[in-house]
C-alpha atoms as a PDB file:
ATOM      1  CA  UNK A   1       0.056   0.052   0.166  1.00  0.00           C
ATOM      2  CA  UNK A   2       2.856   2.179   0.797  1.00  0.00           C
ATOM      3  CA  UNK A   3       4.444   2.140  -2.921  1.00  0.00           C
ATOM      4  CA  UNK A   4       0.531   3.154  -4.037  1.00  0.00           C
ATOM      5  CA  UNK A   5       0.419   5.679  -2.014  1.00  0.00           C
ATOM      6  CA  UNK A   6       4.143   7.195  -2.578  1.00  0.00           C
ATOM      7  CA  UNK A   7       3.185   7.248  -6.317  1.00  0.00           C
ATOM      8  CA  UNK A   8      -0.343   8.629  -5.519  1.00  0.00           C
ATOM      9  CA  UNK A   9       2.536  11.357  -3.548  1.00  0.00           C
ATOM     10  CA  UNK A  10       4.980  11.928  -6.195  1.00  0.00           C
ATOM     11  CA  UNK A  11       1.121  12.610  -8.930  1.00  0.00           C
ATOM     12  CA  UNK A  12       3.214  14.524 -12.284  1.00  0.00           C
ATOM     13  CA  UNK A  13       6.308  13.028 -11.363  1.00  0.00           C
ATOM     14  CA  UNK A  14       8.286  11.661 -14.902  1.00  0.00           C
ATOM     15  CA  UNK A  15      11.370  12.299 -13.828  1.00  0.00           C
ATOM     16  CA  UNK A  16      13.624  10.096 -11.807  1.00  0.00           C
ATOM     17  CA  UNK A  17      12.895   6.247 -11.369  1.00  0.00           C
ATOM     18  CA  UNK A  18      10.552   3.294  -9.989  1.00  0.00           C
ATOM     19  CA  UNK A  19      11.484   0.326  -8.500  1.00  0.00           C
ATOM     20  CA  UNK A  20      10.181  -2.881 -10.342  1.00  0.00           C
ATOM     21  CA  UNK A  21       7.727  -3.099  -6.652  1.00  0.00           C
ATOM     22  CA  UNK A  22       7.037  -0.440  -6.610  1.00  0.00           C
ATOM     23  CA  UNK A  23       5.559  -0.059 -10.397  1.00  0.00           C
ATOM     24  CA  UNK A  24       3.856  -3.607  -9.587  1.00  0.00           C
ATOM     25  CA  UNK A  25       2.349  -2.927  -6.332  1.00  0.00           C
ATOM     26  CA  UNK A  26       1.070   0.172  -7.898  1.00  0.00           C
ATOM     27  CA  UNK A  27      -0.610  -1.412 -11.002  1.00  0.00           C
ATOM     28  CA  UNK A  28      -2.142  -4.470  -7.671  1.00  0.00           C
ATOM     29  CA  UNK A  29      -3.290  -1.580  -6.262  1.00  0.00           C
ATOM     30  CA  UNK A  30      -4.655   0.035  -8.700  1.00  0.00           C
ATOM     31  CA  UNK A  31      -6.921  -2.525 -10.293  1.00  0.00           C
ATOM     32  CA  UNK A  32      -7.707  -3.814  -6.904  1.00  0.00           C
ATOM     33  CA  UNK A  33      -9.624  -0.233  -6.671  1.00  0.00           C
ATOM     34  CA  UNK A  34     -10.622   0.071  -9.603  1.00  0.00           C
ATOM     35  CA  UNK A  35     -12.955  -3.387  -9.279  1.00  0.00           C
ATOM     36  CA  UNK A  36     -14.273  -1.468  -5.995  1.00  0.00           C
ATOM     37  CA  UNK A  37     -15.178   1.101  -7.871  1.00  0.00           C
ATOM     38  CA  UNK A  38     -16.957  -1.581 -10.513  1.00  0.00           C
ATOM     39  CA  UNK A  39     -19.074  -2.903  -8.247  1.00  0.00           C
ATOM     40  CA  UNK A  40     -20.001  -0.086  -6.279  1.00  0.00           C
ATOM     41  CA  UNK A  41     -21.123   2.025  -9.912  1.00  0.00           C
ATOM     42  CA  UNK A  42     -22.944  -1.255 -10.713  1.00  0.00           C
ATOM     43  CA  UNK A  43     -24.836  -0.729  -6.887  1.00  0.00           C
ATOM     44  CA  UNK A  44     -25.336   2.415  -6.813  1.00  0.00           C
ATOM     45  CA  UNK A  45     -26.647   4.045 -10.462  1.00  0.00           C
ATOM     46  CA  UNK A  46     -24.520   1.600 -13.176  1.00  0.00           C
ATOM     47  CA  UNK A  47     -23.690   4.226 -15.107  1.00  0.00           C
ATOM     48  CA  UNK A  48     -20.595   4.070 -14.743  1.00  0.00           C
ATOM     49  CA  UNK A  49     -19.545   8.143 -13.981  1.00  0.00           C
ATOM     50  CA  UNK A  50     -17.633   6.693 -10.387  1.00  0.00           C
ATOM     51  CA  UNK A  51     -15.431   4.049 -12.216  1.00  0.00           C
ATOM     52  CA  UNK A  52     -15.090   7.030 -16.064  1.00  0.00           C
ATOM     53  CA  UNK A  53     -13.923   9.548 -13.238  1.00  0.00           C
ATOM     54  CA  UNK A  54     -11.671   7.479 -10.833  1.00  0.00           C
ATOM     55  CA  UNK A  55      -9.905   6.382 -14.127  1.00  0.00           C
ATOM     56  CA  UNK A  56      -9.149   9.643 -15.055  1.00  0.00           C
ATOM     57  CA  UNK A  57      -8.098  10.358 -10.823  1.00  0.00           C
ATOM     58  CA  UNK A  58      -5.893   8.850 -11.649  1.00  0.00           C
ATOM     59  CA  UNK A  59      -4.234   9.345 -15.725  1.00  0.00           C
ATOM     60  CA  UNK A  60      -1.486  11.202 -14.750  1.00  0.00           C
ATOM     61  CA  UNK A  61       0.103   9.154 -11.748  1.00  0.00           C
ATOM     62  CA  UNK A  62      -0.189   5.845 -13.779  1.00  0.00           C
ATOM     63  CA  UNK A  63       1.415   7.443 -16.632  1.00  0.00           C
ATOM     64  CA  UNK A  64       3.706   8.831 -14.325  1.00  0.00           C
ATOM     65  CA  UNK A  65       5.111   5.755 -12.914  1.00  0.00           C
ATOM     66  CA  UNK A  66       4.978   3.937 -16.036  1.00  0.00           C
ATOM     67  CA  UNK A  67       7.668   6.636 -17.702  1.00  0.00           C
ATOM     68  CA  UNK A  68       9.498   6.073 -13.700  1.00  0.00           C
ATOM     69  CA  UNK A  69       9.381   2.518 -14.573  1.00  0.00           C
ATOM     70  CA  UNK A  70      11.029   2.604 -17.940  1.00  0.00           C
ATOM     71  CA  UNK A  71      13.464   5.306 -16.824  1.00  0.00           C
ATOM     72  CA  UNK A  72      14.864   2.298 -14.481  1.00  0.00           C
ATOM     73  CA  UNK A  73      15.820   0.295 -16.817  1.00  0.00           C
ATOM     74  CA  UNK A  74      17.001   2.891 -19.076  1.00  0.00           C
ATOM     75  CA  UNK A  75      14.209   3.685 -21.784  1.00  0.00           C
ATOM     76  CA  UNK A  76      12.986   6.122 -22.027  1.00  0.00           C
ATOM     77  CA  UNK A  77       9.637   6.573 -20.817  1.00  0.00           C
ATOM     78  CA  UNK A  78       7.369   6.748 -24.320  1.00  0.00           C
ATOM     79  CA  UNK A  79       7.997   3.351 -24.279  1.00  0.00           C
ATOM     80  CA  UNK A  80       4.809   3.102 -22.296  1.00  0.00           C
ATOM     81  CA  UNK A  81       2.973   3.737 -25.482  1.00  0.00           C
ATOM     82  CA  UNK A  82       4.431   0.440 -26.957  1.00  0.00           C
ATOM     83  CA  UNK A  83       2.375  -2.601 -24.766  1.00  0.00           C
ATOM     84  CA  UNK A  84       4.626  -5.587 -25.461  1.00  0.00           C
ATOM     85  CA  UNK A  85       7.856  -3.450 -25.254  1.00  0.00           C
ATOM     86  CA  UNK A  86       6.267  -1.472 -22.332  1.00  0.00           C
ATOM     87  CA  UNK A  87       5.887  -5.134 -20.431  1.00  0.00           C
ATOM     88  CA  UNK A  88       9.490  -6.742 -21.539  1.00  0.00           C
ATOM     89  CA  UNK A  89      11.026  -3.471 -19.911  1.00  0.00           C
ATOM     90  CA  UNK A  90       8.737  -3.227 -17.433  1.00  0.00           C
ATOM     91  CA  UNK A  91       9.404  -7.155 -15.783  1.00  0.00           C
ATOM     92  CA  UNK A  92      12.674  -6.221 -16.112  1.00  0.00           C
ATOM     93  CA  UNK A  93      15.014  -5.239 -13.461  1.00  0.00           C
ATOM     94  CA  UNK A  94      16.624  -1.965 -13.373  1.00  0.00           C
ATOM     95  CA  UNK A  95      20.448  -0.759 -13.623  1.00  0.00           C
ATOM     96  CA  UNK A  96      22.011  -1.069 -11.415  1.00  0.00           C
ATOM     97  CA  UNK A  97      24.210   2.206  -9.952  1.00  0.00           C
ATOM     98  CA  UNK A  98      23.232   5.391 -11.684  1.00  0.00           C
ATOM     99  CA  UNK A  99      21.975   6.017 -15.119  1.00  0.00           C
ATOM    100  CA  UNK A 100      21.269   8.351 -17.235  1.00  0.00           C
ATOM    101  CA  UNK A 101      17.697   8.981 -15.271  1.00  0.00           C
ATOM    102  CA  UNK A 102      18.138   9.330 -11.506  1.00  0.00           C
ATOM    103  CA  UNK A 103      20.521   7.738  -9.120  1.00  0.00           C
ATOM    104  CA  UNK A 104      18.905   3.676  -8.747  1.00  0.00           C
ATOM    105  CA  UNK A 105      16.471   4.439  -6.209  1.00  0.00           C
ATOM    106  CA  UNK A 106      17.264   0.456  -4.500  1.00  0.00           C
ATOM    107  CA  UNK A 107      20.659   1.408  -3.413  1.00  0.00           C
ATOM    108  CA  UNK A 108      19.865   4.756  -2.906  1.00  0.00           C
ATOM    109  CA  UNK A 109      17.814   4.326   0.202  1.00  0.00           C
ATOM    110  CA  UNK A 110      19.731   1.917   2.067  1.00  0.00           C
ATOM    111  CA  UNK A 111      21.801   3.908   2.095  1.00  0.00           C
ATOM    112  CA  UNK A 112      20.496   6.629   3.478  1.00  0.00           C
ATOM    113  CA  UNK A 113      22.824   8.182   6.598  1.00  0.00           C
ATOM    114  CA  UNK A 114      21.103   6.689   9.856  1.00  0.00           C
ATOM    115  CA  UNK A 115      20.989   8.859  13.000  1.00  0.00           C
ATOM    116  CA  UNK A 116      23.931   8.106  15.334  1.00  0.00           C
ATOM    117  CA  UNK A 117      22.531   5.772  18.465  1.00  0.00           C
ATOM    118  CA  UNK A 118      22.349   7.532  21.518  1.00  0.00           C
ATOM    119  CA  UNK A 119      24.185   6.634  24.319  1.00  0.00           C
ATOM    120  CA  UNK A 120      23.021   7.336  27.915  1.00  0.00           C
END
């Protein structure tokens, strides 16, 4: 859930890189919430308006996390418009270390400085 919320916090950030875990957890929760919205929409109005609003609200974050995922594999974000290639790149492990799109998101968090221990 934290990956989904993290992607929503970066609503329209198309720069940088997204790990495979961030991308696929976002996709999983997107689909789960979409199914819930469709069920609610069918019981409430059967018009599809809630489903349309949900998809529109998450359109930009979905494209942004997809572009960042492409960047992690050292490819342009424009590759998300090619479905088969997009799937291959989304399944591929990201580049180790820094690439032209930024630092490695997997190792950036692990190498962050930690607070010194408190001595009493």
